[in-house]
Amino acid sequence: MSDGVIVLHGIFRTYRSMSGLARNLEKAGYEVLNLGYPSTKLSIEELVEYINEDIERFSRKINGKIHFAGYSMGGLLVRAYINKYRPKKLGRVVMIATPNNGSEIADLLKDLRLYHKLYGPSGQQLITDQKDLKNIFGKVDYELGIIAGDRPVDMISSRIIGKPNDGKVSIESTKLENMKDHIIIRCNHTYFPASRKAHAQAINFLAEGRFRR
């Protein structure tokens, strides 16, 4: 009986950016759905509807549990999806560099015309004021592991955030109440999809419900 993993990329990315993680998950014995979606064209709520049919089709082929792995905004999409369309065979969830409590960088850029044009409706939902999104995400009542980074590339973004961060998301912002495990690795936000260390930790959590230390 094989388990399945649904992989969701971040904003302004494509499924190709997650191909390394997808390959390593397959090598670990999982069936993988590496989903692409128009991350800058729709709101998070609309993206949930966009991906639902593909996830349901994939889930019907899986005999075991359905796990999720989401990078950056992909982790927010996982939360919103589970809140509305929770799979009956839901397994574990791993989030990589996800701004669960928003990003100060998004706060700074959200009113700029270029940012709005490039990042669209979902980009406006990455701000630190998350009060209007609580009903979208719901509560964490599943096994959740979160991977955060502490290696900003430039000092400007680091100063804007003002706390230990990965260049776009603070470590503190990645955390959620009721998460099962949380780990910090030396990685910048941009390079997480290619990080073998992040891949290994994600696979370890999906298999064992904890990160390796």
N, C-alpha and C. Protein backbone atom coordinates (compact mmCIF):
# COMPACT_ATOMS: atom_id res chain seq x y z
N MET A 1 0.86 -1.19 0.00
CA MET A 1 0.00 0.00 0.00
C MET A 1 0.89 1.25 0.00
N SER A 2 0.77 2.07 -1.02
CA SER A 2 1.64 3.24 -1.13
C SER A 2 0.91 4.51 -0.73
N ASP A 3 1.64 5.41 -0.09
CA ASP A 3 1.11 6.72 0.26
C ASP A 3 1.37 7.70 -0.88
N GLY A 4 0.61 8.77 -0.91
CA GLY A 4 0.79 9.81 -1.91
C GLY A 4 1.18 11.13 -1.26
N VAL A 5 1.94 11.94 -1.99
CA VAL A 5 2.31 13.27 -1.51
C VAL A 5 1.95 14.30 -2.57
N ILE A 6 1.22 15.31 -2.17
CA ILE A 6 0.88 16.42 -3.06
C ILE A 6 1.84 17.56 -2.76
N VAL A 7 2.56 18.01 -3.78
CA VAL A 7 3.58 19.04 -3.64
C VAL A 7 3.07 20.34 -4.27
N LEU A 8 3.17 21.43 -3.51
CA LEU A 8 2.69 22.72 -3.99
C LEU A 8 3.81 23.76 -3.92
N HIS A 9 4.06 24.42 -5.04
CA HIS A 9 5.13 25.42 -5.13
C HIS A 9 4.71 26.75 -4.55
N GLY A 10 5.63 27.70 -4.52
CA GLY A 10 5.37 29.02 -3.97
C GLY A 10 4.88 30.01 -5.02
N ILE A 11 4.61 31.21 -4.57
CA ILE A 11 4.13 32.26 -5.47
C ILE A 11 5.22 32.64 -6.47
N PHE A 12 4.80 32.94 -7.69
CA PHE A 12 5.69 33.35 -8.77
C PHE A 12 6.65 32.23 -9.18
N ARG A 13 6.27 30.99 -8.88
CA ARG A 13 7.06 29.82 -9.26
C ARG A 13 6.18 28.90 -10.10
N THR A 14 6.76 27.79 -10.55
CA THR A 14 6.00 26.76 -11.24
C THR A 14 6.32 25.41 -10.60
N TYR A 15 5.62 24.39 -11.05
CA TYR A 15 5.86 23.04 -10.52
C TYR A 15 7.29 22.57 -10.78
N ARG A 16 7.92 23.14 -11.80
CA ARG A 16 9.30 22.74 -12.12
C ARG A 16 10.25 23.06 -10.98
N SER A 17 9.96 24.11 -10.24
CA SER A 17 10.83 24.50 -9.13
C SER A 17 10.84 23.44 -8.02
N MET A 18 9.81 22.61 -7.97
CA MET A 18 9.70 21.58 -6.94
C MET A 18 10.07 20.19 -7.45
N SER A 19 10.64 20.13 -8.64
CA SER A 19 10.95 18.83 -9.25
C SER A 19 11.97 18.03 -8.45
N GLY A 20 12.92 18.73 -7.82
CA GLY A 20 13.93 18.03 -7.01
C GLY A 20 13.29 17.34 -5.83
N LEU A 21 12.44 18.04 -5.10
CA LEU A 21 11.74 17.42 -3.97
C LEU A 21 10.85 16.29 -4.46
N ALA A 22 10.15 16.50 -5.57
CA ALA A 22 9.27 15.46 -6.11
C ALA A 22 10.06 14.19 -6.43
N ARG A 23 11.22 14.34 -7.06
CA ARG A 23 12.05 13.16 -7.40
C ARG A 23 12.50 12.43 -6.14
N ASN A 24 12.91 13.19 -5.14
CA ASN A 24 13.38 12.55 -3.90
C ASN A 24 12.25 11.86 -3.15
N LEU A 25 11.06 12.42 -3.22
CA LEU A 25 9.90 11.76 -2.62
C LEU A 25 9.60 10.45 -3.34
N GLU A 26 9.69 10.45 -4.65
CA GLU A 26 9.47 9.23 -5.42
C GLU A 26 10.52 8.17 -5.09
N LYS A 27 11.77 8.60 -4.94
CA LYS A 27 12.83 7.67 -4.56
C LYS A 27 12.57 7.07 -3.17
N ALA A 28 11.88 7.83 -2.32
CA ALA A 28 11.56 7.35 -0.98
C ALA A 28 10.34 6.43 -0.99
N GLY A 29 9.73 6.24 -2.14
CA GLY A 29 8.63 5.29 -2.26
C GLY A 29 7.24 5.88 -2.32
N TYR A 30 7.14 7.19 -2.43
CA TYR A 30 5.82 7.83 -2.49
C TYR A 30 5.35 8.02 -3.93
N GLU A 31 4.03 7.98 -4.10
CA GLU A 31 3.43 8.46 -5.33
C GLU A 31 3.32 9.98 -5.18
N VAL A 32 3.67 10.73 -6.23
CA VAL A 32 3.77 12.18 -6.08
C VAL A 32 2.93 12.91 -7.13
N LEU A 33 2.21 13.90 -6.68
CA LEU A 33 1.52 14.84 -7.57
C LEU A 33 2.17 16.20 -7.36
N ASN A 34 3.00 16.61 -8.30
CA ASN A 34 3.67 17.91 -8.24
C ASN A 34 2.82 18.88 -9.04
N LEU A 35 1.99 19.63 -8.32
CA LEU A 35 0.95 20.45 -8.97
C LEU A 35 1.46 21.83 -9.38
N GLY A 36 1.05 22.24 -10.56
CA GLY A 36 1.23 23.62 -10.99
C GLY A 36 -0.08 24.37 -10.86
N TYR A 37 0.00 25.65 -10.59
CA TYR A 37 -1.22 26.46 -10.47
C TYR A 37 -0.87 27.92 -10.71
N PRO A 38 -1.81 28.74 -11.16
CA PRO A 38 -1.53 30.15 -11.48
C PRO A 38 -1.46 31.00 -10.22
N SER A 39 -0.34 30.93 -9.54
CA SER A 39 -0.20 31.50 -8.21
C SER A 39 -0.40 33.01 -8.15
N THR A 40 -0.17 33.71 -9.26
CA THR A 40 -0.28 35.18 -9.26
C THR A 40 -1.57 35.68 -9.90
N LYS A 41 -2.42 34.78 -10.32
CA LYS A 41 -3.65 35.18 -11.03
C LYS A 41 -4.90 35.12 -10.17
N LEU A 42 -4.86 34.33 -9.11
CA LEU A 42 -6.04 34.08 -8.30
C LEU A 42 -5.74 34.28 -6.82
N SER A 43 -6.78 34.47 -6.03
CA SER A 43 -6.62 34.52 -4.58
C SER A 43 -6.41 33.10 -4.06
N ILE A 44 -6.01 32.99 -2.81
CA ILE A 44 -5.81 31.66 -2.21
C ILE A 44 -7.11 30.86 -2.23
N GLU A 45 -8.22 31.49 -1.94
CA GLU A 45 -9.50 30.79 -1.95
C GLU A 45 -9.82 30.26 -3.35
N GLU A 46 -9.54 31.05 -4.36
CA GLU A 46 -9.79 30.62 -5.74
C GLU A 46 -8.82 29.52 -6.16
N LEU A 47 -7.60 29.58 -5.66
CA LEU A 47 -6.62 28.55 -5.99
C LEU A 47 -7.01 27.20 -5.39
N VAL A 48 -7.65 27.23 -4.23
CA VAL A 48 -8.16 25.99 -3.63
C VAL A 48 -9.11 25.28 -4.61
N GLU A 49 -10.00 26.04 -5.21
CA GLU A 49 -10.94 25.45 -6.17
C GLU A 49 -10.20 24.99 -7.42
N TYR A 50 -9.19 25.73 -7.82
CA TYR A 50 -8.43 25.40 -9.03
C TYR A 50 -7.74 24.05 -8.90
N ILE A 51 -7.18 23.75 -7.73
CA ILE A 51 -6.40 22.51 -7.57
C ILE A 51 -7.24 21.33 -7.12
N ASN A 52 -8.49 21.57 -6.71
CA ASN A 52 -9.27 20.51 -6.08
C ASN A 52 -9.50 19.30 -6.98
N GLU A 53 -9.86 19.50 -8.22
CA GLU A 53 -10.16 18.38 -9.10
C GLU A 53 -8.94 17.48 -9.30
N ASP A 54 -7.78 18.08 -9.50
CA ASP A 54 -6.57 17.29 -9.69
C ASP A 54 -6.22 16.50 -8.43
N ILE A 55 -6.40 17.12 -7.27
CA ILE A 55 -6.10 16.41 -6.03
C ILE A 55 -7.07 15.27 -5.79
N GLU A 56 -8.34 15.48 -6.06
CA GLU A 56 -9.32 14.42 -5.88
C GLU A 56 -9.06 13.25 -6.83
N ARG A 57 -8.68 13.57 -8.06
CA ARG A 57 -8.37 12.52 -9.03
C ARG A 57 -7.16 11.70 -8.58
N PHE A 58 -6.14 12.39 -8.12
CA PHE A 58 -4.94 11.73 -7.61
C PHE A 58 -5.25 10.89 -6.38
N SER A 59 -6.04 11.43 -5.47
CA SER A 59 -6.35 10.75 -4.22
C SER A 59 -7.10 9.43 -4.45
N ARG A 60 -7.92 9.39 -5.48
CA ARG A 60 -8.67 8.17 -5.77
C ARG A 60 -7.77 7.02 -6.17
N LYS A 61 -6.57 7.32 -6.65
CA LYS A 61 -5.64 6.29 -7.09
C LYS A 61 -4.72 5.80 -5.96
N ILE A 62 -4.77 6.48 -4.82
CA ILE A 62 -3.86 6.17 -3.72
C ILE A 62 -4.56 5.29 -2.69
N ASN A 63 -3.93 4.17 -2.37
CA ASN A 63 -4.49 3.26 -1.38
C ASN A 63 -4.16 3.68 0.05
N GLY A 64 -3.00 4.33 0.20
CA GLY A 64 -2.55 4.73 1.53
C GLY A 64 -3.00 6.14 1.88
N LYS A 65 -2.18 6.81 2.65
CA LYS A 65 -2.52 8.16 3.12
C LYS A 65 -2.12 9.22 2.10
N ILE A 66 -2.75 10.38 2.24
CA ILE A 66 -2.45 11.53 1.39
C ILE A 66 -1.72 12.57 2.24
N HIS A 67 -0.46 12.80 1.91
CA HIS A 67 0.35 13.79 2.59
C HIS A 67 0.48 15.05 1.72
N PHE A 68 0.92 16.13 2.34
CA PHE A 68 1.13 17.38 1.61
C PHE A 68 2.51 17.95 1.95
N ALA A 69 3.14 18.57 0.94
CA ALA A 69 4.38 19.32 1.15
C ALA A 69 4.24 20.64 0.41
N GLY A 70 4.29 21.74 1.13
CA GLY A 70 4.11 23.06 0.52
C GLY A 70 5.26 23.98 0.81
N TYR A 71 5.76 24.62 -0.24
CA TYR A 71 6.84 25.59 -0.09
C TYR A 71 6.28 27.02 -0.12
N SER A 72 6.69 27.85 0.82
CA SER A 72 6.31 29.26 0.88
C SER A 72 4.78 29.39 0.81
N MET A 73 4.23 30.12 -0.16
CA MET A 73 2.79 30.28 -0.22
C MET A 73 2.08 28.95 -0.46
N GLY A 74 2.80 27.99 -1.01
CA GLY A 74 2.21 26.66 -1.19
C GLY A 74 1.75 26.06 0.12
N GLY A 75 2.45 26.39 1.22
CA GLY A 75 2.02 25.92 2.53
C GLY A 75 0.71 26.55 2.96
N LEU A 76 0.52 27.82 2.62
CA LEU A 76 -0.75 28.48 2.93
C LEU A 76 -1.88 27.85 2.13
N LEU A 77 -1.60 27.50 0.90
CA LEU A 77 -2.60 26.86 0.06
C LEU A 77 -2.96 25.48 0.61
N VAL A 78 -1.98 24.77 1.15
CA VAL A 78 -2.26 23.49 1.80
C VAL A 78 -3.22 23.68 2.96
N ARG A 79 -2.94 24.68 3.80
CA ARG A 79 -3.82 24.93 4.95
C ARG A 79 -5.24 25.24 4.51
N ALA A 80 -5.38 26.09 3.50
CA ALA A 80 -6.71 26.47 3.02
C ALA A 80 -7.42 25.28 2.37
N TYR A 81 -6.66 24.46 1.66
CA TYR A 81 -7.27 23.29 1.01
C TYR A 81 -7.78 22.30 2.05
N ILE A 82 -6.96 21.98 3.03
CA ILE A 82 -7.38 21.03 4.06
C ILE A 82 -8.58 21.55 4.83
N ASN A 83 -8.62 22.84 5.07
CA ASN A 83 -9.74 23.43 5.79
C ASN A 83 -11.06 23.25 5.05
N LYS A 84 -11.01 23.27 3.71
CA LYS A 84 -12.25 23.14 2.94
C LYS A 84 -12.48 21.74 2.39
N TYR A 85 -11.43 21.08 1.95
CA TYR A 85 -11.59 19.77 1.29
C TYR A 85 -10.69 18.72 1.93
N ARG A 86 -10.72 18.62 3.21
CA ARG A 86 -9.85 17.69 3.93
C ARG A 86 -9.98 16.27 3.38
N PRO A 87 -8.88 15.69 2.89
CA PRO A 87 -8.95 14.31 2.40
C PRO A 87 -9.30 13.34 3.53
N LYS A 88 -10.08 12.34 3.22
CA LYS A 88 -10.46 11.35 4.24
C LYS A 88 -9.25 10.59 4.75
N LYS A 89 -8.27 10.42 3.88
CA LYS A 89 -7.06 9.66 4.26
C LYS A 89 -5.89 10.60 4.52
N LEU A 90 -6.17 11.77 5.09
CA LEU A 90 -5.12 12.76 5.31
C LEU A 90 -4.01 12.20 6.20
N GLY A 91 -2.78 12.37 5.72
CA GLY A 91 -1.62 11.95 6.49
C GLY A 91 -0.96 13.14 7.15
N ARG A 92 0.32 13.31 6.88
CA ARG A 92 1.09 14.39 7.49
C ARG A 92 1.28 15.55 6.52
N VAL A 93 1.60 16.70 7.09
CA VAL A 93 1.82 17.92 6.30
C VAL A 93 3.17 18.51 6.68
N VAL A 94 3.96 18.85 5.67
CA VAL A 94 5.21 19.55 5.93
C VAL A 94 5.20 20.87 5.16
N MET A 95 5.58 21.92 5.84
CA MET A 95 5.66 23.25 5.23
C MET A 95 7.11 23.71 5.23
N ILE A 96 7.51 24.32 4.13
CA ILE A 96 8.88 24.79 3.96
C ILE A 96 8.86 26.29 3.75
N ALA A 97 9.42 27.04 4.70
CA ALA A 97 9.54 28.51 4.59
C ALA A 97 8.20 29.18 4.31
N THR A 98 7.17 28.73 4.96
CA THR A 98 5.82 29.26 4.74
C THR A 98 5.53 30.45 5.67
N PRO A 99 5.08 31.58 5.11
CA PRO A 99 4.77 32.76 5.94
C PRO A 99 3.41 32.62 6.62
N ASN A 100 3.33 31.72 7.58
CA ASN A 100 2.05 31.45 8.23
C ASN A 100 1.47 32.65 8.96
N ASN A 101 2.34 33.55 9.37
CA ASN A 101 1.88 34.78 10.01
C ASN A 101 2.25 36.00 9.18
N GLY A 102 2.42 35.80 7.89
CA GLY A 102 2.69 36.88 6.97
C GLY A 102 4.16 37.27 6.88
N SER A 103 4.45 38.13 5.92
CA SER A 103 5.82 38.60 5.69
C SER A 103 5.88 40.12 5.74
N GLU A 104 6.86 40.63 6.46
CA GLU A 104 7.06 42.07 6.54
C GLU A 104 7.47 42.65 5.18
N ILE A 105 8.07 41.83 4.34
CA ILE A 105 8.42 42.28 2.99
C ILE A 105 7.15 42.54 2.19
N ALA A 106 6.15 41.68 2.33
CA ALA A 106 4.86 41.89 1.66
C ALA A 106 4.18 43.14 2.20
N ASP A 107 4.31 43.38 3.51
CA ASP A 107 3.75 44.61 4.10
C ASP A 107 4.32 45.85 3.41
N LEU A 108 5.63 45.82 3.17
CA LEU A 108 6.32 46.97 2.59
C LEU A 108 5.93 47.19 1.13
N LEU A 109 5.72 46.10 0.39
CA LEU A 109 5.54 46.20 -1.06
C LEU A 109 4.09 46.16 -1.52
N LYS A 110 3.17 45.81 -0.66
CA LYS A 110 1.81 45.49 -1.09
C LYS A 110 1.10 46.62 -1.85
N ASP A 111 1.43 47.87 -1.56
CA ASP A 111 0.74 48.99 -2.21
C ASP A 111 1.43 49.46 -3.49
N LEU A 112 2.56 48.87 -3.82
CA LEU A 112 3.27 49.25 -5.03
C LEU A 112 2.60 48.64 -6.26
N ARG A 113 2.44 49.42 -7.31
CA ARG A 113 1.75 48.95 -8.51
C ARG A 113 2.44 47.75 -9.14
N LEU A 114 3.78 47.78 -9.18
CA LEU A 114 4.52 46.68 -9.78
C LEU A 114 4.33 45.39 -8.99
N TYR A 115 4.36 45.48 -7.66
CA TYR A 115 4.14 44.29 -6.83
C TYR A 115 2.76 43.71 -7.08
N HIS A 116 1.77 44.58 -7.13
CA HIS A 116 0.39 44.12 -7.36
C HIS A 116 0.28 43.45 -8.73
N LYS A 117 0.95 44.02 -9.72
CA LYS A 117 0.90 43.46 -11.07
C LYS A 117 1.59 42.11 -11.14
N LEU A 118 2.73 41.99 -10.49
CA LEU A 118 3.51 40.76 -10.56
C LEU A 118 2.94 39.64 -9.70
N TYR A 119 2.47 39.99 -8.49
CA TYR A 119 2.09 38.96 -7.52
C TYR A 119 0.58 38.78 -7.37
N GLY A 120 -0.19 39.69 -7.93
CA GLY A 120 -1.63 39.49 -8.01
C GLY A 120 -2.36 39.41 -6.68
N PRO A 121 -3.60 38.84 -6.70
CA PRO A 121 -4.44 38.80 -5.50
C PRO A 121 -3.81 38.04 -4.34
N SER A 122 -3.17 36.93 -4.63
CA SER A 122 -2.59 36.14 -3.54
C SER A 122 -1.42 36.86 -2.88
N GLY A 123 -0.72 37.70 -3.65
CA GLY A 123 0.37 38.47 -3.07
C GLY A 123 -0.11 39.42 -1.99
N GLN A 124 -1.36 39.90 -2.12
CA GLN A 124 -1.94 40.78 -1.12
C GLN A 124 -2.30 40.02 0.16
N GLN A 125 -2.33 38.70 0.08
CA GLN A 125 -2.70 37.88 1.23
C GLN A 125 -1.49 37.38 2.02
N LEU A 126 -0.32 37.87 1.67
CA LEU A 126 0.91 37.44 2.36
C LEU A 126 1.34 38.41 3.44
N ILE A 127 0.53 39.41 3.72
CA ILE A 127 0.88 40.43 4.71
C ILE A 127 0.73 39.88 6.14
N THR A 128 1.30 40.61 7.10
CA THR A 128 1.29 40.12 8.48
C THR A 128 -0.07 40.27 9.17
N ASP A 129 -0.93 41.13 8.64
CA ASP A 129 -2.28 41.26 9.20
C ASP A 129 -3.14 40.14 8.61
N GLN A 130 -3.25 39.06 9.34
CA GLN A 130 -3.91 37.85 8.84
C GLN A 130 -5.35 37.67 9.36
N LYS A 131 -5.89 38.69 10.02
CA LYS A 131 -7.20 38.51 10.66
C LYS A 131 -8.30 38.15 9.67
N ASP A 132 -8.21 38.62 8.42
CA ASP A 132 -9.25 38.34 7.45
C ASP A 132 -9.09 36.95 6.81
N LEU A 133 -8.01 36.25 7.16
CA LEU A 133 -7.74 34.96 6.54
C LEU A 133 -7.95 33.77 7.48
N LYS A 134 -8.27 34.03 8.73
CA LYS A 134 -8.39 32.95 9.70
C LYS A 134 -9.44 31.92 9.30
N ASN A 135 -10.55 32.38 8.76
CA ASN A 135 -11.60 31.45 8.35
C ASN A 135 -11.20 30.63 7.13
N ILE A 136 -10.26 31.15 6.35
CA ILE A 136 -9.78 30.41 5.17
C ILE A 136 -8.89 29.26 5.60
N PHE A 137 -8.05 29.50 6.60
CA PHE A 137 -7.05 28.51 6.98
C PHE A 137 -7.50 27.52 8.04
N GLY A 138 -8.38 27.92 8.92
CA GLY A 138 -8.83 27.02 9.96
C GLY A 138 -7.73 26.70 10.97
N LYS A 139 -8.00 25.72 11.82
CA LYS A 139 -7.06 25.31 12.86
C LYS A 139 -6.22 24.12 12.40
N VAL A 140 -5.06 24.02 12.99
CA VAL A 140 -4.20 22.86 12.70
C VAL A 140 -4.61 21.72 13.62
N ASP A 141 -5.25 20.70 13.05
CA ASP A 141 -5.63 19.51 13.80
C ASP A 141 -5.14 18.26 13.06
N TYR A 142 -3.95 18.41 12.47
CA TYR A 142 -3.29 17.32 11.76
C TYR A 142 -1.80 17.39 12.08
N GLU A 143 -1.07 16.36 11.75
CA GLU A 143 0.35 16.32 12.04
C GLU A 143 1.11 17.26 11.10
N LEU A 144 1.67 18.31 11.67
CA LEU A 144 2.32 19.35 10.88
C LEU A 144 3.76 19.55 11.31
N GLY A 145 4.67 19.51 10.35
CA GLY A 145 6.06 19.83 10.59
C GLY A 145 6.45 21.04 9.74
N ILE A 146 7.20 21.96 10.33
CA ILE A 146 7.55 23.21 9.64
C ILE A 146 9.06 23.38 9.59
N ILE A 147 9.57 23.66 8.39
CA ILE A 147 10.98 23.92 8.18
C ILE A 147 11.16 25.41 7.92
N ALA A 148 12.05 26.05 8.67
CA ALA A 148 12.33 27.48 8.50
C ALA A 148 13.81 27.68 8.20
N GLY A 149 14.13 28.85 7.64
CA GLY A 149 15.52 29.17 7.31
C GLY A 149 16.01 30.38 8.08
N ASP A 150 17.34 30.47 8.22
CA ASP A 150 17.91 31.61 8.96
C ASP A 150 19.10 32.23 8.22
N ARG A 151 19.03 32.21 6.88
CA ARG A 151 20.16 32.73 6.11
C ARG A 151 19.72 33.78 5.10
N PRO A 152 19.50 35.01 5.52
CA PRO A 152 19.16 36.07 4.57
C PRO A 152 20.35 36.40 3.69
N VAL A 153 20.09 36.74 2.43
CA VAL A 153 21.17 37.06 1.50
C VAL A 153 21.59 38.51 1.64
N ASP A 154 20.63 39.41 1.78
CA ASP A 154 20.98 40.83 1.88
C ASP A 154 20.53 41.41 3.20
N MET A 155 21.25 42.40 3.67
CA MET A 155 20.98 43.00 4.97
C MET A 155 19.77 43.93 4.95
N ILE A 156 19.40 44.43 3.76
CA ILE A 156 18.26 45.34 3.69
C ILE A 156 16.97 44.62 4.09
N SER A 157 16.70 43.47 3.45
CA SER A 157 15.49 42.73 3.78
C SER A 157 15.54 42.24 5.22
N SER A 158 16.72 41.86 5.67
CA SER A 158 16.86 41.38 7.05
C SER A 158 16.50 42.47 8.05
N ARG A 159 16.91 43.71 7.75
CA ARG A 159 16.59 44.82 8.65
C ARG A 159 15.11 45.16 8.60
N ILE A 160 14.49 45.02 7.44
CA ILE A 160 13.06 45.29 7.31
C ILE A 160 12.27 44.31 8.18
N ILE A 161 12.67 43.05 8.12
CA ILE A 161 11.97 42.03 8.90
C ILE A 161 12.27 42.20 10.38
N GLY A 162 13.52 42.50 10.70
CA GLY A 162 13.87 42.84 12.07
C GLY A 162 14.01 41.70 13.04
N LYS A 163 13.87 40.47 12.57
CA LYS A 163 14.00 39.27 13.41
C LYS A 163 14.76 38.22 12.60
N PRO A 164 15.28 37.17 13.24
CA PRO A 164 15.93 36.10 12.47
C PRO A 164 15.03 35.63 11.34
N ASN A 165 15.57 35.52 10.13
CA ASN A 165 14.74 35.27 8.96
C ASN A 165 15.53 34.61 7.84
N ASP A 166 14.82 34.25 6.77
CA ASP A 166 15.46 33.62 5.61
C ASP A 166 15.59 34.57 4.42
N GLY A 167 15.36 35.85 4.67
CA GLY A 167 15.41 36.85 3.60
C GLY A 167 14.05 37.36 3.19
N LYS A 168 13.02 36.57 3.44
CA LYS A 168 11.65 36.98 3.12
C LYS A 168 10.67 36.69 4.25
N VAL A 169 10.96 35.67 5.02
CA VAL A 169 10.04 35.24 6.08
C VAL A 169 10.82 35.07 7.38
N SER A 170 10.31 35.63 8.46
CA SER A 170 10.96 35.44 9.75
C SER A 170 10.71 34.02 10.26
N ILE A 171 11.62 33.55 11.06
CA ILE A 171 11.44 32.22 11.66
C ILE A 171 10.16 32.18 12.47
N GLU A 172 9.91 33.25 13.22
CA GLU A 172 8.72 33.29 14.06
C GLU A 172 7.44 33.21 13.24
N SER A 173 7.45 33.81 12.05
CA SER A 173 6.26 33.82 11.20
C SER A 173 5.92 32.44 10.66
N THR A 174 6.88 31.55 10.61
CA THR A 174 6.60 30.21 10.08
C THR A 174 5.81 29.36 11.08
N LYS A 175 5.87 29.70 12.35
CA LYS A 175 5.31 28.84 13.39
C LYS A 175 3.78 28.93 13.48
N LEU A 176 3.19 27.80 13.88
CA LEU A 176 1.75 27.73 14.08
C LEU A 176 1.43 26.98 15.36
N GLU A 177 0.36 27.38 15.99
CA GLU A 177 -0.13 26.66 17.16
C GLU A 177 -0.48 25.22 16.76
N ASN A 178 -0.14 24.29 17.59
CA ASN A 178 -0.43 22.86 17.40
C ASN A 178 0.47 22.17 16.38
N MET A 179 1.49 22.86 15.87
CA MET A 179 2.44 22.16 15.00
C MET A 179 3.14 21.07 15.82
N LYS A 180 3.48 19.98 15.16
CA LYS A 180 4.10 18.86 15.87
C LYS A 180 5.60 19.03 16.01
N ASP A 181 6.24 19.61 14.99
CA ASP A 181 7.68 19.80 15.04
C ASP A 181 8.07 21.01 14.20
N HIS A 182 9.20 21.59 14.56
CA HIS A 182 9.70 22.77 13.86
C HIS A 182 11.22 22.70 13.86
N ILE A 183 11.83 22.99 12.71
CA ILE A 183 13.29 22.94 12.62
C ILE A 183 13.80 24.11 11.79
N ILE A 184 14.97 24.59 12.14
CA ILE A 184 15.61 25.69 11.41
C ILE A 184 16.86 25.14 10.73
N ILE A 185 16.99 25.42 9.43
CA ILE A 185 18.19 25.01 8.71
C ILE A 185 18.83 26.22 8.05
N ARG A 186 20.10 26.11 7.75
CA ARG A 186 20.85 27.20 7.13
C ARG A 186 20.48 27.28 5.65
N CYS A 187 19.48 28.09 5.34
CA CYS A 187 19.05 28.21 3.96
C CYS A 187 18.35 29.54 3.75
N ASN A 188 18.51 30.10 2.55
CA ASN A 188 17.81 31.31 2.15
C ASN A 188 16.47 30.93 1.53
N HIS A 189 15.50 31.81 1.67
CA HIS A 189 14.15 31.53 1.18
C HIS A 189 14.13 31.09 -0.28
N THR A 190 14.85 31.79 -1.12
CA THR A 190 14.83 31.52 -2.55
C THR A 190 15.34 30.12 -2.90
N TYR A 191 16.29 29.62 -2.12
CA TYR A 191 16.96 28.37 -2.48
C TYR A 191 16.38 27.14 -1.80
N PHE A 192 15.34 27.31 -1.02
CA PHE A 192 14.74 26.16 -0.34
C PHE A 192 14.29 25.04 -1.29
N PRO A 193 13.67 25.36 -2.43
CA PRO A 193 13.21 24.27 -3.31
C PRO A 193 14.34 23.36 -3.79
N ALA A 194 15.57 23.89 -3.86
CA ALA A 194 16.71 23.09 -4.33
C ALA A 194 17.53 22.51 -3.18
N SER A 195 17.14 22.77 -1.94
CA SER A 195 17.93 22.35 -0.79
C SER A 195 17.76 20.86 -0.49
N ARG A 196 18.84 20.10 -0.65
CA ARG A 196 18.77 18.67 -0.34
C ARG A 196 18.52 18.43 1.13
N LYS A 197 19.03 19.32 1.96
CA LYS A 197 18.80 19.19 3.40
C LYS A 197 17.31 19.37 3.72
N ALA A 198 16.68 20.34 3.07
CA ALA A 198 15.24 20.54 3.27
C ALA A 198 14.46 19.34 2.76
N HIS A 199 14.87 18.80 1.61
CA HIS A 199 14.20 17.61 1.06
C HIS A 199 14.28 16.45 2.05
N ALA A 200 15.48 16.22 2.58
CA ALA A 200 15.68 15.10 3.50
C ALA A 200 14.85 15.27 4.77
N GLN A 201 14.79 16.50 5.28
CA GLN A 201 13.99 16.74 6.49
C GLN A 201 12.50 16.57 6.22
N ALA A 202 12.06 17.03 5.06
CA ALA A 202 10.64 16.87 4.70
C ALA A 202 10.27 15.40 4.61
N ILE A 203 11.10 14.62 3.97
CA ILE A 203 10.85 13.19 3.82
C ILE A 203 10.87 12.49 5.18
N ASN A 204 11.79 12.91 6.05
CA ASN A 204 11.87 12.30 7.37
C ASN A 204 10.61 12.58 8.18
N PHE A 205 10.09 13.81 8.08
CA PHE A 205 8.87 14.12 8.82
C PHE A 205 7.68 13.34 8.28
N LEU A 206 7.55 13.26 6.97
CA LEU A 206 6.42 12.52 6.40
C LEU A 206 6.46 11.05 6.80
N ALA A 207 7.66 10.50 6.94
CA ALA A 207 7.80 9.08 7.29
C ALA A 207 7.64 8.83 8.78
N GLU A 208 8.19 9.73 9.61
CA GLU A 208 8.29 9.44 11.03
C GLU A 208 7.54 10.42 11.94
N GLY A 209 7.06 11.53 11.37
CA GLY A 209 6.35 12.49 12.19
C GLY A 209 7.27 13.38 13.01
N ARG A 210 8.52 13.44 12.63
CA ARG A 210 9.50 14.29 13.32
C ARG A 210 10.66 14.58 12.39
N PHE A 211 11.37 15.65 12.69
CA PHE A 211 12.57 15.98 11.92
C PHE A 211 13.79 15.31 12.53
N ARG A 212 14.82 15.14 11.73
CA ARG A 212 16.04 14.49 12.19
C ARG A 212 17.02 15.53 12.72
N ARG A 213 17.54 15.29 13.91
CA ARG A 213 18.48 16.20 14.54
C ARG A 213 19.76 15.47 14.91
